[in-house]
Amino acid sequence: MESQTYQKRIEADQEAGLALGIQAVPFFLFDGRFSISGAQAQEVFAEALEKAFGLETEPVSLGSSEMACGLNGCSI
């Protein structure tokens, strides 16, 4: 990265992701409690949104992480 303008924000985001246990991209977090890792079907996102705006109280991980990019590259 040539410019250091956003370096501290990027590092803070990386640390926050690691603290949450995020190990691959793409990764989506809804309402701080519902997560989707990897490329998922539209239905998985609809389920996450319904749960995030519903009455669920416990953290939930939806979908599979088979189609995700991690520290060692991507797998599909």
PDB file of N, CA and C in Angstrom:
ATOM      1  N   MET A   1       0.843  -1.156   0.000  1.00  0.00           N
ATOM      2  CA  MET A   1       0.000   0.000   0.000  1.00  0.00           C
ATOM      3  C   MET A   1       0.900   1.234   0.000  1.00  0.00           C
ATOM      4  N   GLU A   2       0.740   2.069  -1.014  1.00  0.00           N
ATOM      5  CA  GLU A   2       1.599   3.244  -1.134  1.00  0.00           C
ATOM      6  C   GLU A   2       1.262   4.308  -0.095  1.00  0.00           C
ATOM      7  N   SER A   3       0.003   4.561   0.122  1.00  0.00           N
ATOM      8  CA  SER A   3      -0.414   5.587   1.074  1.00  0.00           C
ATOM      9  C   SER A   3      -0.708   4.950   2.432  1.00  0.00           C
ATOM     10  N   GLN A   4      -0.304   5.623   3.484  1.00  0.00           N
ATOM     11  CA  GLN A   4      -0.543   5.133   4.840  1.00  0.00           C
ATOM     12  C   GLN A   4      -1.791   5.773   5.460  1.00  0.00           C
ATOM     13  N   THR A   5      -2.572   6.482   4.647  1.00  0.00           N
ATOM     14  CA  THR A   5      -3.727   7.230   5.135  1.00  0.00           C
ATOM     15  C   THR A   5      -4.670   6.370   5.968  1.00  0.00           C
ATOM     16  N   TYR A   6      -4.949   5.172   5.509  1.00  0.00           N
ATOM     17  CA  TYR A   6      -5.938   4.318   6.176  1.00  0.00           C
ATOM     18  C   TYR A   6      -5.312   3.131   6.892  1.00  0.00           C
ATOM     19  N   GLN A   7      -3.996   3.114   7.017  1.00  0.00           N
ATOM     20  CA  GLN A   7      -3.290   1.962   7.574  1.00  0.00           C
ATOM     21  C   GLN A   7      -3.781   1.587   8.974  1.00  0.00           C
ATOM     22  N   LYS A   8      -3.949   2.559   9.862  1.00  0.00           N
ATOM     23  CA  LYS A   8      -4.381   2.262  11.232  1.00  0.00           C
ATOM     24  C   LYS A   8      -5.803   1.716  11.263  1.00  0.00           C
ATOM     25  N   ARG A   9      -6.673   2.250  10.413  1.00  0.00           N
ATOM     26  CA  ARG A   9      -8.051   1.735  10.346  1.00  0.00           C
ATOM     27  C   ARG A   9      -8.074   0.311   9.820  1.00  0.00           C
ATOM     28  N   ILE A  10      -7.258   0.035   8.820  1.00  0.00           N
ATOM     29  CA  ILE A  10      -7.182  -1.314   8.254  1.00  0.00           C
ATOM     30  C   ILE A  10      -6.691  -2.293   9.306  1.00  0.00           C
ATOM     31  N   GLU A  11      -5.637  -1.910  10.023  1.00  0.00           N
ATOM     32  CA  GLU A  11      -5.097  -2.785  11.070  1.00  0.00           C
ATOM     33  C   GLU A  11      -6.121  -3.007  12.188  1.00  0.00           C
ATOM     34  N   ALA A  12      -6.862  -1.973  12.553  1.00  0.00           N
ATOM     35  CA  ALA A  12      -7.900  -2.108  13.588  1.00  0.00           C
ATOM     36  C   ALA A  12      -9.002  -3.051  13.117  1.00  0.00           C
ATOM     37  N   ASP A  13      -9.396  -2.939  11.842  1.00  0.00           N
ATOM     38  CA  ASP A  13     -10.415  -3.839  11.291  1.00  0.00           C
ATOM     39  C   ASP A  13      -9.907  -5.281  11.280  1.00  0.00           C
ATOM     40  N   GLN A  14      -8.651  -5.474  10.921  1.00  0.00           N
ATOM     41  CA  GLN A  14      -8.079  -6.819  10.907  1.00  0.00           C
ATOM     42  C   GLN A  14      -8.062  -7.419  12.316  1.00  0.00           C
ATOM     43  N   GLU A  15      -7.661  -6.625  13.289  1.00  0.00           N
ATOM     44  CA  GLU A  15      -7.636  -7.110  14.672  1.00  0.00           C
ATOM     45  C   GLU A  15      -9.034  -7.440  15.170  1.00  0.00           C
ATOM     46  N   ALA A  16     -10.010  -6.604  14.831  1.00  0.00           N
ATOM     47  CA  ALA A  16     -11.392  -6.866  15.238  1.00  0.00           C
ATOM     48  C   ALA A  16     -11.897  -8.158  14.598  1.00  0.00           C
ATOM     49  N   GLY A  17     -11.568  -8.371  13.336  1.00  0.00           N
ATOM     50  CA  GLY A  17     -11.968  -9.597  12.647  1.00  0.00           C
ATOM     51  C   GLY A  17     -11.361 -10.832  13.281  1.00  0.00           C
ATOM     52  N   LEU A  18     -10.095 -10.767  13.603  1.00  0.00           N
ATOM     53  CA  LEU A  18      -9.437 -11.896  14.255  1.00  0.00           C
ATOM     54  C   LEU A  18     -10.039 -12.168  15.630  1.00  0.00           C
ATOM     55  N   ALA A  19     -10.390 -11.105  16.357  1.00  0.00           N
ATOM     56  CA  ALA A  19     -11.007 -11.264  17.679  1.00  0.00           C
ATOM     57  C   ALA A  19     -12.366 -11.952  17.570  1.00  0.00           C
ATOM     58  N   LEU A  20     -13.053 -11.745  16.443  1.00  0.00           N
ATOM     59  CA  LEU A  20     -14.347 -12.393  16.209  1.00  0.00           C
ATOM     60  C   LEU A  20     -14.192 -13.810  15.660  1.00  0.00           C
ATOM     61  N   GLY A  21     -12.966 -14.199  15.343  1.00  0.00           N
ATOM     62  CA  GLY A  21     -12.731 -15.536  14.797  1.00  0.00           C
ATOM     63  C   GLY A  21     -12.873 -15.607  13.282  1.00  0.00           C
ATOM     64  N   ILE A  22     -12.892 -14.466  12.614  1.00  0.00           N
ATOM     65  CA  ILE A  22     -13.013 -14.436  11.158  1.00  0.00           C
ATOM     66  C   ILE A  22     -11.690 -14.872  10.555  1.00  0.00           C
ATOM     67  N   GLN A  23     -11.751 -15.909   9.704  1.00  0.00           N
ATOM     68  CA  GLN A  23     -10.530 -16.445   9.107  1.00  0.00           C
ATOM     69  C   GLN A  23     -10.588 -16.488   7.590  1.00  0.00           C
ATOM     70  N   ALA A  24     -11.683 -16.012   7.001  1.00  0.00           N
ATOM     71  CA  ALA A  24     -11.826 -16.103   5.553  1.00  0.00           C
ATOM     72  C   ALA A  24     -12.690 -14.946   5.053  1.00  0.00           C
ATOM     73  N   VAL A  25     -12.576 -14.665   3.766  1.00  0.00           N
ATOM     74  CA  VAL A  25     -13.439 -13.682   3.115  1.00  0.00           C
ATOM     75  C   VAL A  25     -14.103 -14.344   1.917  1.00  0.00           C
ATOM     76  N   PRO A  26     -15.268 -13.960   1.519  1.00  0.00           N
ATOM     77  CA  PRO A  26     -16.056 -12.914   2.147  1.00  0.00           C
ATOM     78  C   PRO A  26     -16.633 -13.375   3.484  1.00  0.00           C
ATOM     79  N   PHE A  27     -16.894 -12.413   4.361  1.00  0.00           N
ATOM     80  CA  PHE A  27     -17.504 -12.678   5.665  1.00  0.00           C
ATOM     81  C   PHE A  27     -18.465 -11.537   5.955  1.00  0.00           C
ATOM     82  N   PHE A  28     -19.677 -11.886   6.332  1.00  0.00           N
ATOM     83  CA  PHE A  28     -20.707 -10.888   6.604  1.00  0.00           C
ATOM     84  C   PHE A  28     -21.195 -11.062   8.034  1.00  0.00           C
ATOM     85  N   LEU A  29     -21.337  -9.959   8.744  1.00  0.00           N
ATOM     86  CA  LEU A  29     -21.807  -9.990  10.122  1.00  0.00           C
ATOM     87  C   LEU A  29     -23.047  -9.114  10.218  1.00  0.00           C
ATOM     88  N   PHE A  30     -24.145  -9.712  10.680  1.00  0.00           N
ATOM     89  CA  PHE A  30     -25.417  -9.010  10.805  1.00  0.00           C
ATOM     90  C   PHE A  30     -25.733  -8.792  12.275  1.00  0.00           C
ATOM     91  N   ASP A  31     -25.989  -7.566  12.643  1.00  0.00           N
ATOM     92  CA  ASP A  31     -26.394  -7.215  13.997  1.00  0.00           C
ATOM     93  C   ASP A  31     -25.370  -7.660  15.033  1.00  0.00           C
ATOM     94  N   GLY A  32     -24.133  -7.845  14.625  1.00  0.00           N
ATOM     95  CA  GLY A  32     -23.086  -8.256  15.546  1.00  0.00           C
ATOM     96  C   GLY A  32     -23.229  -9.673  16.075  1.00  0.00           C
ATOM     97  N   ARG A  33     -24.218 -10.434  15.570  1.00  0.00           N
ATOM     98  CA  ARG A  33     -24.485 -11.766  16.122  1.00  0.00           C
ATOM     99  C   ARG A  33     -24.637 -12.863  15.078  1.00  0.00           C
ATOM    100  N   PHE A  34     -24.992 -12.531  13.852  1.00  0.00           N
ATOM    101  CA  PHE A  34     -25.249 -13.535  12.825  1.00  0.00           C
ATOM    102  C   PHE A  34     -24.207 -13.404  11.733  1.00  0.00           C
ATOM    103  N   SER A  35     -23.544 -14.500  11.421  1.00  0.00           N
ATOM    104  CA  SER A  35     -22.458 -14.423  10.443  1.00  0.00           C
ATOM    105  C   SER A  35     -22.678 -15.371   9.280  1.00  0.00           C
ATOM    106  N   ILE A  36     -22.162 -14.954   8.136  1.00  0.00           N
ATOM    107  CA  ILE A  36     -22.135 -15.779   6.930  1.00  0.00           C
ATOM    108  C   ILE A  36     -20.706 -15.734   6.423  1.00  0.00           C
ATOM    109  N   SER A  37     -20.132 -16.903   6.212  1.00  0.00           N
ATOM    110  CA  SER A  37     -18.772 -16.992   5.700  1.00  0.00           C
ATOM    111  C   SER A  37     -18.802 -17.632   4.324  1.00  0.00           C
ATOM    112  N   GLY A  38     -18.067 -17.060   3.403  1.00  0.00           N
ATOM    113  CA  GLY A  38     -17.987 -17.626   2.066  1.00  0.00           C
ATOM    114  C   GLY A  38     -19.125 -17.170   1.170  1.00  0.00           C
ATOM    115  N   ALA A  39     -19.076 -17.615  -0.081  1.00  0.00           N
ATOM    116  CA  ALA A  39     -20.128 -17.302  -1.048  1.00  0.00           C
ATOM    117  C   ALA A  39     -21.336 -18.174  -0.736  1.00  0.00           C
ATOM    118  N   GLN A  40     -22.479 -17.552  -0.518  1.00  0.00           N
ATOM    119  CA  GLN A  40     -23.680 -18.276  -0.124  1.00  0.00           C
ATOM    120  C   GLN A  40     -24.842 -17.905  -1.030  1.00  0.00           C
ATOM    121  N   ALA A  41     -25.836 -18.762  -1.012  1.00  0.00           N
ATOM    122  CA  ALA A  41     -27.050 -18.527  -1.795  1.00  0.00           C
ATOM    123  C   ALA A  41     -27.854 -17.375  -1.199  1.00  0.00           C
ATOM    124  N   GLN A  42     -28.690 -16.785  -2.010  1.00  0.00           N
ATOM    125  CA  GLN A  42     -29.541 -15.672  -1.584  1.00  0.00           C
ATOM    126  C   GLN A  42     -30.402 -16.073  -0.385  1.00  0.00           C
ATOM    127  N   GLU A  43     -30.830 -17.316  -0.334  1.00  0.00           N
ATOM    128  CA  GLU A  43     -31.680 -17.786   0.763  1.00  0.00           C
ATOM    129  C   GLU A  43     -30.960 -17.715   2.114  1.00  0.00           C
ATOM    130  N   VAL A  44     -29.658 -17.946   2.112  1.00  0.00           N
ATOM    131  CA  VAL A  44     -28.878 -17.883   3.349  1.00  0.00           C
ATOM    132  C   VAL A  44     -28.851 -16.444   3.866  1.00  0.00           C
ATOM    133  N   PHE A  45     -28.696 -15.476   2.944  1.00  0.00           N
ATOM    134  CA  PHE A  45     -28.707 -14.074   3.348  1.00  0.00           C
ATOM    135  C   PHE A  45     -30.091 -13.667   3.855  1.00  0.00           C
ATOM    136  N   ALA A  46     -31.140 -14.151   3.194  1.00  0.00           N
ATOM    137  CA  ALA A  46     -32.503 -13.849   3.637  1.00  0.00           C
ATOM    138  C   ALA A  46     -32.725 -14.393   5.044  1.00  0.00           C
ATOM    139  N   GLU A  47     -32.250 -15.600   5.314  1.00  0.00           N
ATOM    140  CA  GLU A  47     -32.386 -16.196   6.642  1.00  0.00           C
ATOM    141  C   GLU A  47     -31.632 -15.368   7.690  1.00  0.00           C
ATOM    142  N   ALA A  48     -30.439 -14.927   7.345  1.00  0.00           N
ATOM    143  CA  ALA A  48     -29.646 -14.124   8.283  1.00  0.00           C
ATOM    144  C   ALA A  48     -30.352 -12.813   8.605  1.00  0.00           C
ATOM    145  N   LEU A  49     -30.890 -12.159   7.591  1.00  0.00           N
ATOM    146  CA  LEU A  49     -31.600 -10.902   7.816  1.00  0.00           C
ATOM    147  C   LEU A  49     -32.846 -11.119   8.664  1.00  0.00           C
ATOM    148  N   GLU A  50     -33.577 -12.192   8.388  1.00  0.00           N
ATOM    149  CA  GLU A  50     -34.768 -12.493   9.186  1.00  0.00           C
ATOM    150  C   GLU A  50     -34.396 -12.739  10.644  1.00  0.00           C
ATOM    151  N   LYS A  51     -33.328 -13.474  10.873  1.00  0.00           N
ATOM    152  CA  LYS A  51     -32.896 -13.747  12.243  1.00  0.00           C
ATOM    153  C   LYS A  51     -32.364 -12.488  12.920  1.00  0.00           C
ATOM    154  N   ALA A  52     -31.598 -11.680  12.183  1.00  0.00           N
ATOM    155  CA  ALA A  52     -31.016 -10.475  12.760  1.00  0.00           C
ATOM    156  C   ALA A  52     -32.091  -9.477  13.174  1.00  0.00           C
ATOM    157  N   PHE A  53     -33.177  -9.407  12.422  1.00  0.00           N
ATOM    158  CA  PHE A  53     -34.237  -8.459  12.740  1.00  0.00           C
ATOM    159  C   PHE A  53     -35.398  -9.117  13.467  1.00  0.00           C
ATOM    160  N   GLY A  54     -35.221 -10.391  13.845  1.00  0.00           N
ATOM    161  CA  GLY A  54     -36.246 -11.123  14.570  1.00  0.00           C
ATOM    162  C   GLY A  54     -35.945 -11.178  16.049  1.00  0.00           C
ATOM    163  N   LEU A  55     -36.279 -12.301  16.652  1.00  0.00           N
ATOM    164  CA  LEU A  55     -36.173 -12.436  18.100  1.00  0.00           C
ATOM    165  C   LEU A  55     -35.025 -13.319  18.559  1.00  0.00           C
ATOM    166  N   GLU A  56     -34.144 -13.747  17.660  1.00  0.00           N
ATOM    167  CA  GLU A  56     -33.036 -14.606  18.043  1.00  0.00           C
ATOM    168  C   GLU A  56     -32.121 -13.855  19.020  1.00  0.00           C
ATOM    169  N   THR A  57     -31.623 -14.554  20.025  1.00  0.00           N
ATOM    170  CA  THR A  57     -30.774 -13.895  21.013  1.00  0.00           C
ATOM    171  C   THR A  57     -29.370 -14.468  21.083  1.00  0.00           C
ATOM    172  N   GLU A  58     -29.143 -15.651  20.558  1.00  0.00           N
ATOM    173  CA  GLU A  58     -27.827 -16.288  20.590  1.00  0.00           C
ATOM    174  C   GLU A  58     -27.121 -16.097  19.251  1.00  0.00           C
ATOM    175  N   PRO A  59     -25.780 -15.994  19.234  1.00  0.00           N
ATOM    176  CA  PRO A  59     -25.036 -15.900  17.976  1.00  0.00           C
ATOM    177  C   PRO A  59     -25.268 -17.131  17.111  1.00  0.00           C
ATOM    178  N   VAL A  60     -25.392 -16.916  15.804  1.00  0.00           N
ATOM    179  CA  VAL A  60     -25.659 -18.007  14.872  1.00  0.00           C
ATOM    180  C   VAL A  60     -24.741 -17.858  13.671  1.00  0.00           C
ATOM    181  N   SER A  61     -24.131 -18.968  13.233  1.00  0.00           N
ATOM    182  CA  SER A  61     -23.337 -18.986  12.017  1.00  0.00           C
ATOM    183  C   SER A  61     -24.136 -19.742  10.961  1.00  0.00           C
ATOM    184  N   LEU A  62     -24.344 -19.122   9.808  1.00  0.00           N
ATOM    185  CA  LEU A  62     -25.173 -19.708   8.762  1.00  0.00           C
ATOM    186  C   LEU A  62     -24.344 -20.049   7.544  1.00  0.00           C
ATOM    187  N   GLY A  63     -24.795 -21.030   6.772  1.00  0.00           N
ATOM    188  CA  GLY A  63     -24.111 -21.421   5.554  1.00  0.00           C
ATOM    189  C   GLY A  63     -22.850 -22.202   5.857  1.00  0.00           C
ATOM    190  N   SER A  64     -22.093 -22.497   4.821  1.00  0.00           N
ATOM    191  CA  SER A  64     -20.837 -23.216   4.993  1.00  0.00           C
ATOM    192  C   SER A  64     -19.699 -22.323   4.550  1.00  0.00           C
ATOM    193  N   SER A  65     -18.491 -22.678   4.938  1.00  0.00           N
ATOM    194  CA  SER A  65     -17.331 -21.863   4.562  1.00  0.00           C
ATOM    195  C   SER A  65     -16.523 -22.526   3.458  1.00  0.00           C
ATOM    196  N   GLU A  66     -17.179 -23.392   2.660  1.00  0.00           N
ATOM    197  CA  GLU A  66     -16.453 -24.099   1.597  1.00  0.00           C
ATOM    198  C   GLU A  66     -15.944 -23.152   0.517  1.00  0.00           C
ATOM    199  N   MET A  67     -16.689 -22.073   0.230  1.00  0.00           N
ATOM    200  CA  MET A  67     -16.285 -21.141  -0.817  1.00  0.00           C
ATOM    201  C   MET A  67     -15.821 -19.848  -0.161  1.00  0.00           C
ATOM    202  N   ALA A  68     -14.599 -19.845   0.345  1.00  0.00           N
ATOM    203  CA  ALA A  68     -14.079 -18.682   1.045  1.00  0.00           C
ATOM    204  C   ALA A  68     -12.585 -18.546   0.797  1.00  0.00           C
ATOM    205  N   CYS A  69     -12.072 -17.353   1.058  1.00  0.00           N
ATOM    206  CA  CYS A  69     -10.644 -17.090   0.933  1.00  0.00           C
ATOM    207  C   CYS A  69     -10.068 -16.906   2.335  1.00  0.00           C
ATOM    208  N   GLY A  70      -9.033 -17.635   2.637  1.00  0.00           N
ATOM    209  CA  GLY A  70      -8.392 -17.531   3.936  1.00  0.00           C
ATOM    210  C   GLY A  70      -6.987 -16.987   3.831  1.00  0.00           C
ATOM    211  N   LEU A  71      -6.211 -17.183   4.857  1.00  0.00           N
ATOM    212  CA  LEU A  71      -4.855 -16.656   4.896  1.00  0.00           C
ATOM    213  C   LEU A  71      -3.962 -17.244   3.809  1.00  0.00           C
ATOM    214  N   ASN A  72      -4.283 -18.470   3.355  1.00  0.00           N
ATOM    215  CA  ASN A  72      -3.462 -19.145   2.352  1.00  0.00           C
ATOM    216  C   ASN A  72      -4.086 -19.133   0.965  1.00  0.00           C
ATOM    217  N   GLY A  73      -5.011 -18.223   0.715  1.00  0.00           N
ATOM    218  CA  GLY A  73      -5.621 -18.122  -0.600  1.00  0.00           C
ATOM    219  C   GLY A  73      -7.070 -18.563  -0.577  1.00  0.00           C
ATOM    220  N   CYS A  74      -7.616 -18.803  -1.773  1.00  0.00           N
ATOM    221  CA  CYS A  74      -9.043 -19.113  -1.920  1.00  0.00           C
ATOM    222  C   CYS A  74      -9.264 -20.581  -2.263  1.00  0.00           C
ATOM    223  N   SER A  75     -10.421 -21.071  -1.819  1.00  0.00           N
ATOM    224  CA  SER A  75     -10.841 -22.416  -2.203  1.00  0.00           C
ATOM    225  C   SER A  75     -12.291 -22.331  -2.654  1.00  0.00           C
ATOM    226  N   ILE A  76     -12.599 -23.048  -3.712  1.00  0.00           N
ATOM    227  CA  ILE A  76     -13.965 -23.017  -4.251  1.00  0.00           C
ATOM    228  C   ILE A  76     -14.461 -24.441  -4.397  1.00  0.00           C
TER     229      ILE A  76
END
